[in-house]
Amino acid sequence: MKHFVLGTAFLMFISSLPADATNNHAISLKPQLETQKVAFLQSFGDTLPPIGYVNFCRERETECRPSGRFADRIQLSAAKSRELAEVNTSVNEAVAPITDLDLYGKVEVWTYPVKEGDCEDYVLLKRRILIERGWPESALLITVVRDENNEGHAVLTVRTDHGDLVLDNKQREIMAWADTPYTFVKQQSARNPLVWISLLPPTLEPQPAVSASNRQ
């Protein structure tokens, strides 16, 4: 199992951001509406980013800085739904799954895949393609989960007005987050891609460090 570590350089990088860059991450929910609770993920404050993401941002600093363009949620039209499905399917079919250890001889390498990659590589490529097509980065969040085998896994969460949707290299269909078999652990902040937020309620017992893997 790979572990998450927050690098000193990354801490200094975050500390240089504006004071409000790490605030106001919680998704607003109306407790009386059960459908909203199910549709939208809730966050519980800042947490540590994955070490693979830290290293990715050291190498591609401009891709990890806030763009200045914030969109709360995408309006999920029929055309947008088709576009999501197209990108999800094309990347899943173009990239063959392989572990970082087998491909690079290392346990945690986040990068854009060419022909092979593991789960976070699928996520990075899907996110980049959607951003290039005009989707706001604030609606496309790298997310770490525990899968049905309690193993670390990464997915792309898309924030829409119909709820939080999951693009996953292990699934052909795009699913609502609540319909997946996963435990959602942490994800990027919608307001600042450098900052990560916890998706685990603070009342839960502390869990061991989790990292992404490409188990199928």
N, C-alpha and C. Protein backbone atom coordinates (compact mmCIF):
# COMPACT_ATOMS: atom_id res chain seq x y z
N MET A 1 0.84 -1.20 0.00
CA MET A 1 0.00 0.00 0.00
C MET A 1 0.88 1.25 0.00
N LYS A 2 0.64 2.14 -0.90
CA LYS A 2 1.39 3.39 -0.97
C LYS A 2 0.83 4.40 0.02
N HIS A 3 1.66 5.33 0.46
CA HIS A 3 1.24 6.27 1.50
C HIS A 3 1.27 7.70 0.97
N PHE A 4 0.48 8.57 1.57
CA PHE A 4 0.45 9.98 1.24
C PHE A 4 1.38 10.74 2.17
N VAL A 5 2.21 11.59 1.62
CA VAL A 5 3.10 12.44 2.41
C VAL A 5 3.02 13.84 1.84
N LEU A 6 2.97 14.84 2.70
CA LEU A 6 2.95 16.22 2.25
C LEU A 6 4.36 16.78 2.29
N GLY A 7 4.91 17.15 1.13
CA GLY A 7 6.27 17.65 1.05
C GLY A 7 6.40 19.05 1.62
N THR A 8 7.58 19.37 2.15
CA THR A 8 7.84 20.70 2.71
C THR A 8 7.67 21.77 1.65
N ALA A 9 8.17 21.52 0.46
CA ALA A 9 8.05 22.51 -0.61
C ALA A 9 6.59 22.79 -0.94
N PHE A 10 5.79 21.74 -0.90
CA PHE A 10 4.37 21.92 -1.21
C PHE A 10 3.69 22.72 -0.12
N LEU A 11 4.06 22.49 1.15
CA LEU A 11 3.51 23.28 2.24
C LEU A 11 3.83 24.75 2.07
N MET A 12 5.08 25.05 1.67
CA MET A 12 5.48 26.43 1.44
C MET A 12 4.70 27.02 0.27
N PHE A 13 4.46 26.18 -0.75
CA PHE A 13 3.71 26.61 -1.93
C PHE A 13 2.29 27.03 -1.52
N ILE A 14 1.63 26.20 -0.72
CA ILE A 14 0.28 26.50 -0.27
C ILE A 14 0.27 27.73 0.63
N SER A 15 1.29 27.86 1.52
CA SER A 15 1.30 28.99 2.45
C SER A 15 1.45 30.32 1.74
N SER A 16 1.92 30.30 0.49
CA SER A 16 2.08 31.54 -0.26
C SER A 16 0.80 32.00 -0.93
N LEU A 17 -0.25 31.16 -0.86
CA LEU A 17 -1.51 31.49 -1.50
C LEU A 17 -2.28 32.52 -0.69
N PRO A 18 -3.26 33.21 -1.31
CA PRO A 18 -4.10 34.15 -0.57
C PRO A 18 -4.80 33.47 0.59
N ALA A 19 -5.12 34.24 1.62
CA ALA A 19 -5.66 33.68 2.85
C ALA A 19 -6.96 32.94 2.62
N ASP A 20 -7.76 33.37 1.64
CA ASP A 20 -9.06 32.73 1.45
C ASP A 20 -9.00 31.53 0.52
N ALA A 21 -7.78 31.17 0.08
CA ALA A 21 -7.67 30.09 -0.90
C ALA A 21 -8.00 28.73 -0.32
N THR A 22 -7.85 28.57 1.00
CA THR A 22 -8.09 27.27 1.61
C THR A 22 -9.37 27.26 2.42
N ASN A 23 -10.19 28.28 2.31
CA ASN A 23 -11.42 28.35 3.08
C ASN A 23 -12.64 28.06 2.23
N ASN A 24 -13.76 27.88 2.92
CA ASN A 24 -15.07 27.74 2.26
C ASN A 24 -15.12 26.56 1.30
N HIS A 25 -14.64 25.40 1.78
CA HIS A 25 -14.63 24.24 0.91
C HIS A 25 -15.91 23.41 1.03
N ALA A 26 -16.62 23.54 2.13
CA ALA A 26 -17.78 22.68 2.35
C ALA A 26 -18.84 22.92 1.30
N ILE A 27 -19.42 21.83 0.80
CA ILE A 27 -20.51 21.93 -0.14
C ILE A 27 -21.79 22.20 0.63
N SER A 28 -22.52 23.20 0.25
CA SER A 28 -23.73 23.56 0.97
C SER A 28 -24.81 22.52 0.76
N LEU A 29 -25.35 21.98 1.86
CA LEU A 29 -26.42 21.00 1.81
C LEU A 29 -27.60 21.49 2.63
N LYS A 30 -28.80 21.18 2.20
CA LYS A 30 -29.99 21.46 2.98
C LYS A 30 -30.39 20.16 3.66
N PRO A 31 -30.22 20.07 5.00
CA PRO A 31 -30.44 18.80 5.69
C PRO A 31 -31.81 18.20 5.44
N GLN A 32 -32.82 19.03 5.17
CA GLN A 32 -34.16 18.49 5.02
C GLN A 32 -34.36 17.80 3.69
N LEU A 33 -33.45 17.96 2.76
CA LEU A 33 -33.61 17.36 1.44
C LEU A 33 -32.70 16.15 1.31
N GLU A 34 -33.27 14.97 1.49
CA GLU A 34 -32.46 13.75 1.43
C GLU A 34 -31.85 13.55 0.05
N THR A 35 -32.55 13.98 -1.00
CA THR A 35 -32.01 13.81 -2.35
C THR A 35 -30.74 14.62 -2.53
N GLN A 36 -30.67 15.79 -1.92
CA GLN A 36 -29.45 16.58 -2.03
C GLN A 36 -28.31 15.92 -1.28
N LYS A 37 -28.59 15.31 -0.13
CA LYS A 37 -27.55 14.62 0.62
C LYS A 37 -26.92 13.51 -0.23
N VAL A 38 -27.77 12.81 -0.96
CA VAL A 38 -27.29 11.70 -1.78
C VAL A 38 -26.58 12.20 -3.02
N ALA A 39 -27.08 13.27 -3.61
CA ALA A 39 -26.55 13.74 -4.89
C ALA A 39 -25.19 14.40 -4.79
N PHE A 40 -24.95 15.12 -3.68
CA PHE A 40 -23.76 15.94 -3.58
C PHE A 40 -22.87 15.48 -2.42
N LEU A 41 -21.59 15.35 -2.71
CA LEU A 41 -20.62 15.02 -1.67
C LEU A 41 -20.50 16.16 -0.67
N GLN A 42 -20.21 15.81 0.56
CA GLN A 42 -19.97 16.82 1.60
C GLN A 42 -18.51 16.74 2.03
N SER A 43 -17.91 17.88 2.28
CA SER A 43 -16.50 17.92 2.68
C SER A 43 -16.37 18.32 4.14
N PHE A 44 -15.17 18.00 4.71
CA PHE A 44 -14.98 18.18 6.15
C PHE A 44 -13.63 18.80 6.47
N GLY A 45 -13.23 19.82 5.71
CA GLY A 45 -12.01 20.53 6.03
C GLY A 45 -10.80 20.04 5.24
N ASP A 46 -9.70 20.77 5.39
CA ASP A 46 -8.49 20.48 4.63
C ASP A 46 -7.82 19.19 5.09
N THR A 47 -7.10 18.56 4.16
CA THR A 47 -6.35 17.35 4.47
C THR A 47 -5.09 17.32 3.60
N LEU A 48 -4.29 16.28 3.73
CA LEU A 48 -3.05 16.18 2.98
C LEU A 48 -3.29 15.67 1.57
N PRO A 49 -2.59 16.22 0.60
CA PRO A 49 -2.70 15.69 -0.78
C PRO A 49 -1.88 14.42 -0.94
N PRO A 50 -2.17 13.62 -1.94
CA PRO A 50 -1.34 12.44 -2.22
C PRO A 50 0.07 12.86 -2.64
N ILE A 51 1.06 12.07 -2.23
CA ILE A 51 2.44 12.40 -2.58
C ILE A 51 2.64 12.40 -4.09
N GLY A 52 1.91 11.52 -4.79
CA GLY A 52 2.04 11.51 -6.25
C GLY A 52 1.57 12.81 -6.86
N TYR A 53 0.52 13.40 -6.28
CA TYR A 53 0.03 14.69 -6.78
C TYR A 53 1.02 15.79 -6.44
N VAL A 54 1.63 15.72 -5.25
CA VAL A 54 2.65 16.70 -4.88
C VAL A 54 3.78 16.71 -5.90
N ASN A 55 4.26 15.54 -6.24
CA ASN A 55 5.36 15.45 -7.22
C ASN A 55 4.91 15.89 -8.61
N PHE A 56 3.68 15.54 -8.98
CA PHE A 56 3.14 15.98 -10.26
C PHE A 56 3.14 17.50 -10.35
N CYS A 57 2.74 18.15 -9.28
CA CYS A 57 2.66 19.62 -9.27
C CYS A 57 4.03 20.27 -9.23
N ARG A 58 5.00 19.61 -8.66
CA ARG A 58 6.36 20.14 -8.69
C ARG A 58 6.88 20.19 -10.12
N GLU A 59 6.50 19.19 -10.91
CA GLU A 59 6.97 19.12 -12.29
C GLU A 59 6.12 19.96 -13.23
N ARG A 60 4.85 20.18 -12.88
CA ARG A 60 3.92 20.91 -13.75
C ARG A 60 3.18 21.97 -12.94
N GLU A 61 3.94 22.89 -12.40
CA GLU A 61 3.40 23.87 -11.47
C GLU A 61 2.25 24.67 -12.05
N THR A 62 2.35 25.05 -13.31
CA THR A 62 1.31 25.88 -13.92
C THR A 62 -0.02 25.14 -14.03
N GLU A 63 0.02 23.82 -14.13
CA GLU A 63 -1.21 23.04 -14.26
C GLU A 63 -1.93 22.87 -12.92
N CYS A 64 -1.26 23.19 -11.84
CA CYS A 64 -1.84 23.00 -10.51
C CYS A 64 -2.25 24.31 -9.85
N ARG A 65 -1.92 25.43 -10.45
CA ARG A 65 -2.33 26.71 -9.88
C ARG A 65 -3.78 27.02 -10.24
N PRO A 66 -4.49 27.73 -9.35
CA PRO A 66 -5.88 28.11 -9.66
C PRO A 66 -5.94 28.93 -10.94
N SER A 67 -6.90 28.64 -11.78
CA SER A 67 -7.01 29.35 -13.05
C SER A 67 -7.68 30.70 -12.91
N GLY A 68 -8.36 30.91 -11.79
CA GLY A 68 -9.10 32.16 -11.61
C GLY A 68 -10.53 32.08 -12.08
N ARG A 69 -10.85 31.02 -12.82
CA ARG A 69 -12.21 30.81 -13.31
C ARG A 69 -12.90 29.79 -12.42
N PHE A 70 -13.96 30.20 -11.76
CA PHE A 70 -14.67 29.28 -10.86
C PHE A 70 -16.10 29.09 -11.33
N ALA A 71 -16.49 27.83 -11.48
CA ALA A 71 -17.87 27.48 -11.80
C ALA A 71 -18.35 26.54 -10.72
N ASP A 72 -19.41 26.90 -10.04
CA ASP A 72 -19.88 26.09 -8.92
C ASP A 72 -20.23 24.69 -9.38
N ARG A 73 -21.11 24.61 -10.38
CA ARG A 73 -21.50 23.31 -10.92
C ARG A 73 -21.83 23.44 -12.41
N ILE A 74 -21.55 22.39 -13.14
CA ILE A 74 -21.87 22.35 -14.56
C ILE A 74 -23.35 22.03 -14.74
N GLN A 75 -24.00 22.74 -15.64
CA GLN A 75 -25.37 22.38 -16.01
C GLN A 75 -25.29 21.18 -16.95
N LEU A 76 -25.83 20.07 -16.49
CA LEU A 76 -25.66 18.81 -17.20
C LEU A 76 -26.72 18.66 -18.29
N SER A 77 -26.47 19.26 -19.44
CA SER A 77 -27.35 19.12 -20.58
C SER A 77 -27.12 17.76 -21.24
N ALA A 78 -27.96 17.42 -22.18
CA ALA A 78 -27.78 16.17 -22.92
C ALA A 78 -26.45 16.15 -23.66
N ALA A 79 -26.07 17.31 -24.21
CA ALA A 79 -24.80 17.40 -24.94
C ALA A 79 -23.62 17.20 -24.00
N LYS A 80 -23.69 17.79 -22.81
CA LYS A 80 -22.62 17.64 -21.83
C LYS A 80 -22.53 16.19 -21.37
N SER A 81 -23.66 15.55 -21.17
CA SER A 81 -23.67 14.14 -20.77
C SER A 81 -22.99 13.27 -21.82
N ARG A 82 -23.30 13.53 -23.09
CA ARG A 82 -22.67 12.76 -24.17
C ARG A 82 -21.17 13.00 -24.22
N GLU A 83 -20.78 14.24 -24.00
CA GLU A 83 -19.35 14.57 -24.03
C GLU A 83 -18.61 13.86 -22.90
N LEU A 84 -19.18 13.84 -21.70
CA LEU A 84 -18.56 13.13 -20.59
C LEU A 84 -18.40 11.65 -20.93
N ALA A 85 -19.45 11.05 -21.45
CA ALA A 85 -19.42 9.63 -21.79
C ALA A 85 -18.36 9.35 -22.86
N GLU A 86 -18.27 10.23 -23.83
CA GLU A 86 -17.29 10.07 -24.92
C GLU A 86 -15.87 10.10 -24.38
N VAL A 87 -15.57 11.08 -23.53
CA VAL A 87 -14.22 11.21 -22.98
C VAL A 87 -13.91 10.02 -22.08
N ASN A 88 -14.86 9.65 -21.23
CA ASN A 88 -14.64 8.54 -20.31
C ASN A 88 -14.34 7.25 -21.09
N THR A 89 -15.14 6.97 -22.10
CA THR A 89 -14.98 5.74 -22.87
C THR A 89 -13.69 5.75 -23.69
N SER A 90 -13.40 6.88 -24.33
CA SER A 90 -12.22 6.93 -25.20
C SER A 90 -10.93 6.75 -24.42
N VAL A 91 -10.83 7.37 -23.24
CA VAL A 91 -9.62 7.23 -22.42
C VAL A 91 -9.52 5.81 -21.87
N ASN A 92 -10.64 5.28 -21.39
CA ASN A 92 -10.61 3.91 -20.84
C ASN A 92 -10.18 2.90 -21.89
N GLU A 93 -10.59 3.12 -23.14
CA GLU A 93 -10.25 2.17 -24.20
C GLU A 93 -8.84 2.39 -24.75
N ALA A 94 -8.33 3.62 -24.65
CA ALA A 94 -7.03 3.94 -25.23
C ALA A 94 -5.86 3.57 -24.31
N VAL A 95 -6.12 3.49 -23.01
CA VAL A 95 -5.05 3.26 -22.03
C VAL A 95 -5.21 1.87 -21.41
N ALA A 96 -4.13 1.10 -21.44
CA ALA A 96 -4.14 -0.23 -20.82
C ALA A 96 -3.70 -0.10 -19.36
N PRO A 97 -4.38 -0.78 -18.44
CA PRO A 97 -4.02 -0.65 -17.03
C PRO A 97 -2.73 -1.37 -16.69
N ILE A 98 -1.89 -0.70 -15.90
CA ILE A 98 -0.64 -1.27 -15.42
C ILE A 98 -0.25 -0.54 -14.15
N THR A 99 0.41 -1.21 -13.24
CA THR A 99 0.81 -0.56 -12.00
C THR A 99 2.04 0.32 -12.24
N ASP A 100 2.20 1.32 -11.39
CA ASP A 100 3.39 2.17 -11.46
C ASP A 100 4.66 1.34 -11.24
N LEU A 101 4.56 0.37 -10.35
CA LEU A 101 5.74 -0.46 -10.06
C LEU A 101 6.17 -1.23 -11.30
N ASP A 102 5.21 -1.76 -12.03
CA ASP A 102 5.54 -2.49 -13.26
C ASP A 102 6.03 -1.57 -14.37
N LEU A 103 5.46 -0.38 -14.44
CA LEU A 103 5.78 0.53 -15.54
C LEU A 103 7.03 1.36 -15.28
N TYR A 104 7.18 1.84 -14.02
CA TYR A 104 8.27 2.76 -13.70
C TYR A 104 9.25 2.21 -12.67
N GLY A 105 8.89 1.12 -12.03
CA GLY A 105 9.73 0.61 -10.95
C GLY A 105 9.57 1.42 -9.68
N LYS A 106 8.51 2.23 -9.61
CA LYS A 106 8.22 3.04 -8.44
C LYS A 106 6.75 2.82 -8.06
N VAL A 107 6.41 3.15 -6.81
CA VAL A 107 5.06 2.84 -6.35
C VAL A 107 4.08 3.99 -6.52
N GLU A 108 4.54 5.19 -6.81
CA GLU A 108 3.61 6.31 -6.88
C GLU A 108 4.09 7.34 -7.89
N VAL A 109 3.66 7.20 -9.14
CA VAL A 109 4.02 8.12 -10.21
C VAL A 109 2.74 8.60 -10.87
N TRP A 110 2.48 9.90 -10.78
CA TRP A 110 1.30 10.49 -11.43
C TRP A 110 1.76 11.20 -12.70
N THR A 111 1.20 10.82 -13.83
CA THR A 111 1.57 11.46 -15.08
C THR A 111 0.49 11.20 -16.12
N TYR A 112 0.62 11.84 -17.27
CA TYR A 112 -0.33 11.60 -18.36
C TYR A 112 0.09 10.33 -19.09
N PRO A 113 -0.83 9.38 -19.25
CA PRO A 113 -0.47 8.12 -19.90
C PRO A 113 -0.39 8.27 -21.42
N VAL A 114 0.41 7.42 -22.02
CA VAL A 114 0.47 7.35 -23.48
C VAL A 114 -0.33 6.14 -23.94
N LYS A 115 0.13 4.96 -23.58
CA LYS A 115 -0.60 3.73 -23.91
C LYS A 115 -0.97 2.93 -22.66
N GLU A 116 -0.24 3.18 -21.56
CA GLU A 116 -0.45 2.44 -20.32
C GLU A 116 -0.46 3.41 -19.15
N GLY A 117 -1.11 3.01 -18.07
CA GLY A 117 -1.11 3.84 -16.87
C GLY A 117 -1.97 3.22 -15.79
N ASP A 118 -1.93 3.82 -14.59
CA ASP A 118 -2.81 3.34 -13.54
C ASP A 118 -3.90 4.36 -13.29
N CYS A 119 -4.70 4.15 -12.25
CA CYS A 119 -5.96 4.88 -12.12
C CYS A 119 -5.81 6.39 -12.13
N GLU A 120 -4.80 6.91 -11.41
CA GLU A 120 -4.67 8.38 -11.38
C GLU A 120 -4.25 8.93 -12.74
N ASP A 121 -3.56 8.13 -13.55
CA ASP A 121 -3.18 8.57 -14.88
C ASP A 121 -4.41 8.71 -15.78
N TYR A 122 -5.34 7.77 -15.66
CA TYR A 122 -6.61 7.90 -16.38
C TYR A 122 -7.31 9.20 -15.97
N VAL A 123 -7.32 9.46 -14.67
CA VAL A 123 -8.00 10.66 -14.15
C VAL A 123 -7.37 11.93 -14.70
N LEU A 124 -6.04 11.99 -14.66
CA LEU A 124 -5.35 13.18 -15.13
C LEU A 124 -5.64 13.45 -16.61
N LEU A 125 -5.66 12.38 -17.41
CA LEU A 125 -5.89 12.55 -18.85
C LEU A 125 -7.33 12.98 -19.12
N LYS A 126 -8.29 12.36 -18.46
CA LYS A 126 -9.69 12.75 -18.65
C LYS A 126 -9.88 14.22 -18.25
N ARG A 127 -9.30 14.59 -17.14
CA ARG A 127 -9.44 15.97 -16.66
C ARG A 127 -8.83 16.95 -17.66
N ARG A 128 -7.64 16.64 -18.17
CA ARG A 128 -6.98 17.55 -19.12
C ARG A 128 -7.80 17.70 -20.40
N ILE A 129 -8.33 16.58 -20.92
CA ILE A 129 -9.11 16.63 -22.14
C ILE A 129 -10.36 17.49 -21.94
N LEU A 130 -11.04 17.32 -20.83
CA LEU A 130 -12.25 18.10 -20.57
C LEU A 130 -11.94 19.58 -20.40
N ILE A 131 -10.84 19.90 -19.72
CA ILE A 131 -10.44 21.30 -19.58
C ILE A 131 -10.12 21.90 -20.95
N GLU A 132 -9.43 21.15 -21.79
CA GLU A 132 -9.12 21.62 -23.15
C GLU A 132 -10.39 21.85 -23.96
N ARG A 133 -11.46 21.15 -23.63
CA ARG A 133 -12.74 21.32 -24.32
C ARG A 133 -13.59 22.43 -23.71
N GLY A 134 -13.06 23.10 -22.71
CA GLY A 134 -13.76 24.25 -22.15
C GLY A 134 -14.45 24.01 -20.82
N TRP A 135 -14.33 22.81 -20.26
CA TRP A 135 -14.92 22.55 -18.95
C TRP A 135 -14.07 23.24 -17.88
N PRO A 136 -14.68 23.87 -16.88
CA PRO A 136 -13.90 24.54 -15.84
C PRO A 136 -13.24 23.54 -14.90
N GLU A 137 -12.00 23.80 -14.54
CA GLU A 137 -11.28 22.87 -13.66
C GLU A 137 -11.95 22.74 -12.30
N SER A 138 -12.67 23.77 -11.88
CA SER A 138 -13.33 23.73 -10.57
C SER A 138 -14.45 22.69 -10.51
N ALA A 139 -14.89 22.19 -11.65
CA ALA A 139 -15.93 21.16 -11.68
C ALA A 139 -15.35 19.77 -11.93
N LEU A 140 -14.02 19.68 -12.04
CA LEU A 140 -13.35 18.41 -12.37
C LEU A 140 -12.32 18.11 -11.30
N LEU A 141 -12.69 17.29 -10.33
CA LEU A 141 -11.87 17.11 -9.14
C LEU A 141 -11.30 15.70 -9.04
N ILE A 142 -9.97 15.62 -8.93
CA ILE A 142 -9.32 14.34 -8.67
C ILE A 142 -9.74 13.89 -7.28
N THR A 143 -10.16 12.63 -7.16
CA THR A 143 -10.73 12.14 -5.92
C THR A 143 -10.12 10.78 -5.57
N VAL A 144 -9.75 10.62 -4.30
CA VAL A 144 -9.21 9.36 -3.81
C VAL A 144 -10.30 8.63 -3.02
N VAL A 145 -10.45 7.35 -3.30
CA VAL A 145 -11.48 6.53 -2.64
C VAL A 145 -10.85 5.23 -2.16
N ARG A 146 -11.64 4.49 -1.36
CA ARG A 146 -11.33 3.08 -1.09
C ARG A 146 -12.33 2.26 -1.89
N ASP A 147 -11.83 1.30 -2.63
CA ASP A 147 -12.71 0.52 -3.49
C ASP A 147 -13.39 -0.61 -2.71
N GLU A 148 -14.07 -1.48 -3.42
CA GLU A 148 -14.83 -2.55 -2.78
C GLU A 148 -13.95 -3.55 -2.05
N ASN A 149 -12.64 -3.53 -2.37
CA ASN A 149 -11.67 -4.39 -1.68
C ASN A 149 -10.87 -3.63 -0.63
N ASN A 150 -11.31 -2.39 -0.33
CA ASN A 150 -10.65 -1.51 0.63
C ASN A 150 -9.25 -1.10 0.18
N GLU A 151 -9.03 -1.13 -1.13
CA GLU A 151 -7.78 -0.68 -1.71
C GLU A 151 -7.91 0.76 -2.19
N GLY A 152 -6.78 1.48 -2.19
CA GLY A 152 -6.79 2.85 -2.69
C GLY A 152 -7.06 2.90 -4.18
N HIS A 153 -7.80 3.91 -4.60
CA HIS A 153 -8.19 4.05 -6.01
C HIS A 153 -8.45 5.53 -6.27
N ALA A 154 -8.28 5.97 -7.51
CA ALA A 154 -8.54 7.36 -7.89
C ALA A 154 -9.60 7.42 -8.97
N VAL A 155 -10.49 8.39 -8.87
CA VAL A 155 -11.53 8.63 -9.87
C VAL A 155 -11.62 10.13 -10.12
N LEU A 156 -12.30 10.49 -11.20
CA LEU A 156 -12.56 11.90 -11.48
C LEU A 156 -14.01 12.20 -11.09
N THR A 157 -14.18 13.14 -10.18
CA THR A 157 -15.51 13.58 -9.79
C THR A 157 -15.88 14.83 -10.58
N VAL A 158 -17.04 14.80 -11.22
CA VAL A 158 -17.53 15.94 -12.00
C VAL A 158 -18.72 16.54 -11.26
N ARG A 159 -18.60 17.81 -10.91
CA ARG A 159 -19.62 18.49 -10.12
C ARG A 159 -20.67 19.09 -11.06
N THR A 160 -21.87 18.53 -11.03
CA THR A 160 -22.94 19.00 -11.91
C THR A 160 -24.16 19.40 -11.09
N ASP A 161 -25.09 20.08 -11.75
CA ASP A 161 -26.32 20.46 -11.06
C ASP A 161 -27.22 19.26 -10.79
N HIS A 162 -26.90 18.12 -11.38
CA HIS A 162 -27.64 16.88 -11.14
C HIS A 162 -26.96 16.01 -10.09
N GLY A 163 -25.86 16.50 -9.54
CA GLY A 163 -25.13 15.74 -8.54
C GLY A 163 -23.69 15.52 -8.93
N ASP A 164 -22.93 14.89 -8.04
CA ASP A 164 -21.52 14.59 -8.28
C ASP A 164 -21.41 13.25 -9.00
N LEU A 165 -20.81 13.29 -10.20
CA LEU A 165 -20.69 12.10 -11.04
C LEU A 165 -19.26 11.59 -11.04
N VAL A 166 -19.10 10.28 -11.24
CA VAL A 166 -17.79 9.65 -11.16
C VAL A 166 -17.41 9.05 -12.50
N LEU A 167 -16.24 9.47 -13.01
CA LEU A 167 -15.62 8.87 -14.19
C LEU A 167 -14.52 7.94 -13.69
N ASP A 168 -14.59 6.67 -14.07
CA ASP A 168 -13.79 5.63 -13.43
C ASP A 168 -13.24 4.69 -14.49
N ASN A 169 -11.96 4.37 -14.41
CA ASN A 169 -11.40 3.43 -15.38
C ASN A 169 -11.84 1.99 -15.12
N LYS A 170 -12.44 1.73 -13.95
CA LYS A 170 -12.91 0.38 -13.63
C LYS A 170 -14.36 0.16 -14.04
N GLN A 171 -15.03 1.22 -14.48
CA GLN A 171 -16.44 1.13 -14.85
C GLN A 171 -16.66 1.75 -16.23
N ARG A 172 -17.46 1.09 -17.06
CA ARG A 172 -17.78 1.65 -18.37
C ARG A 172 -18.74 2.82 -18.26
N GLU A 173 -19.68 2.71 -17.34
CA GLU A 173 -20.72 3.73 -17.21
C GLU A 173 -20.31 4.80 -16.21
N ILE A 174 -20.73 6.03 -16.47
CA ILE A 174 -20.56 7.11 -15.50
C ILE A 174 -21.65 6.95 -14.44
N MET A 175 -21.25 7.06 -13.18
CA MET A 175 -22.17 6.80 -12.09
C MET A 175 -22.26 7.98 -11.14
N ALA A 176 -23.41 8.12 -10.47
CA ALA A 176 -23.51 9.04 -9.35
C ALA A 176 -22.62 8.51 -8.23
N TRP A 177 -21.98 9.42 -7.50
CA TRP A 177 -21.01 8.97 -6.50
C TRP A 177 -21.64 8.01 -5.49
N ALA A 178 -22.90 8.26 -5.12
CA ALA A 178 -23.56 7.44 -4.11
C ALA A 178 -23.90 6.04 -4.63
N ASP A 179 -23.85 5.84 -5.95
CA ASP A 179 -24.15 4.54 -6.53
C ASP A 179 -22.91 3.67 -6.70
N THR A 180 -21.75 4.22 -6.43
CA THR A 180 -20.51 3.44 -6.53
C THR A 180 -20.35 2.59 -5.26
N PRO A 181 -19.49 1.57 -5.32
CA PRO A 181 -19.21 0.77 -4.12
C PRO A 181 -18.09 1.35 -3.26
N TYR A 182 -17.74 2.61 -3.49
CA TYR A 182 -16.54 3.18 -2.89
C TYR A 182 -16.81 3.96 -1.60
N THR A 183 -15.77 4.07 -0.78
CA THR A 183 -15.73 5.00 0.34
C THR A 183 -14.91 6.20 -0.11
N PHE A 184 -15.50 7.38 -0.09
CA PHE A 184 -14.83 8.57 -0.59
C PHE A 184 -13.97 9.18 0.52
N VAL A 185 -12.68 9.35 0.23
CA VAL A 185 -11.70 9.72 1.25
C VAL A 185 -11.31 11.19 1.17
N LYS A 186 -10.91 11.64 0.01
CA LYS A 186 -10.44 13.03 -0.14
C LYS A 186 -10.48 13.42 -1.60
N GLN A 187 -10.49 14.75 -1.85
CA GLN A 187 -10.44 15.25 -3.22
C GLN A 187 -9.89 16.66 -3.24
N GLN A 188 -9.59 17.14 -4.44
CA GLN A 188 -9.16 18.52 -4.62
C GLN A 188 -10.27 19.47 -4.17
N SER A 189 -9.86 20.64 -3.73
CA SER A 189 -10.83 21.70 -3.48
C SER A 189 -11.29 22.27 -4.81
N ALA A 190 -12.58 22.57 -4.91
CA ALA A 190 -13.11 23.15 -6.14
C ALA A 190 -12.56 24.55 -6.36
N ARG A 191 -12.17 25.22 -5.29
CA ARG A 191 -11.69 26.61 -5.41
C ARG A 191 -10.19 26.71 -5.62
N ASN A 192 -9.47 25.65 -5.32
CA ASN A 192 -8.02 25.70 -5.47
C ASN A 192 -7.49 24.29 -5.67
N PRO A 193 -7.01 23.93 -6.85
CA PRO A 193 -6.57 22.57 -7.12
C PRO A 193 -5.35 22.14 -6.30
N LEU A 194 -4.66 23.09 -5.67
CA LEU A 194 -3.53 22.75 -4.81
C LEU A 194 -3.98 22.21 -3.46
N VAL A 195 -5.16 22.59 -3.05
CA VAL A 195 -5.66 22.24 -1.72
C VAL A 195 -6.53 21.00 -1.81
N TRP A 196 -6.37 20.11 -0.85
CA TRP A 196 -7.19 18.90 -0.79
C TRP A 196 -8.07 18.93 0.44
N ILE A 197 -9.27 18.36 0.30
CA ILE A 197 -10.24 18.37 1.38
C ILE A 197 -10.67 16.94 1.71
N SER A 198 -11.01 16.74 2.98
CA SER A 198 -11.43 15.42 3.43
C SER A 198 -12.91 15.20 3.12
N LEU A 199 -13.23 13.98 2.73
CA LEU A 199 -14.62 13.58 2.50
C LEU A 199 -15.11 12.62 3.58
N LEU A 200 -14.26 12.41 4.59
CA LEU A 200 -14.61 11.52 5.69
C LEU A 200 -15.10 12.34 6.88
N PRO A 201 -16.27 12.06 7.41
CA PRO A 201 -16.75 12.79 8.59
C PRO A 201 -15.76 12.66 9.74
N PRO A 202 -15.53 13.73 10.49
CA PRO A 202 -14.54 13.68 11.59
C PRO A 202 -14.92 12.70 12.69
N THR A 203 -16.18 12.26 12.73
CA THR A 203 -16.61 11.31 13.76
C THR A 203 -16.14 9.90 13.48
N LEU A 204 -15.70 9.64 12.23
CA LEU A 204 -15.21 8.31 11.90
C LEU A 204 -13.87 8.05 12.58
N GLU A 205 -13.62 6.78 12.87
CA GLU A 205 -12.33 6.41 13.43
C GLU A 205 -11.23 6.71 12.42
N PRO A 206 -10.03 7.15 12.91
CA PRO A 206 -8.93 7.38 11.99
C PRO A 206 -8.62 6.14 11.17
N GLN A 207 -8.34 6.36 9.88
CA GLN A 207 -8.04 5.25 9.00
C GLN A 207 -6.59 5.32 8.55
N PRO A 208 -6.00 4.18 8.21
CA PRO A 208 -4.62 4.20 7.70
C PRO A 208 -4.54 4.97 6.40
N ALA A 209 -3.33 5.43 6.09
CA ALA A 209 -3.13 6.18 4.85
C ALA A 209 -3.57 5.36 3.66
N VAL A 210 -4.15 6.05 2.68
CA VAL A 210 -4.64 5.37 1.48
C VAL A 210 -4.05 6.03 0.27
N SER A 211 -3.77 5.26 -0.74
CA SER A 211 -3.25 5.80 -1.99
C SER A 211 -3.98 5.15 -3.14
N ALA A 212 -3.77 5.72 -4.30
CA ALA A 212 -4.46 5.22 -5.49
C ALA A 212 -3.75 4.01 -6.04
N SER A 213 -4.52 3.10 -6.59
CA SER A 213 -3.96 1.95 -7.29
C SER A 213 -4.82 1.72 -8.52
N ASN A 214 -4.39 0.81 -9.38
CA ASN A 214 -5.16 0.56 -10.60
C ASN A 214 -5.78 -0.83 -10.60
N ARG A 215 -6.11 -1.33 -9.44
CA ARG A 215 -6.74 -2.65 -9.38
C ARG A 215 -8.03 -2.62 -10.19
N GLN A 216 -8.25 -3.65 -10.99
CA GLN A 216 -9.40 -3.69 -11.88
C GLN A 216 -10.51 -4.54 -11.27
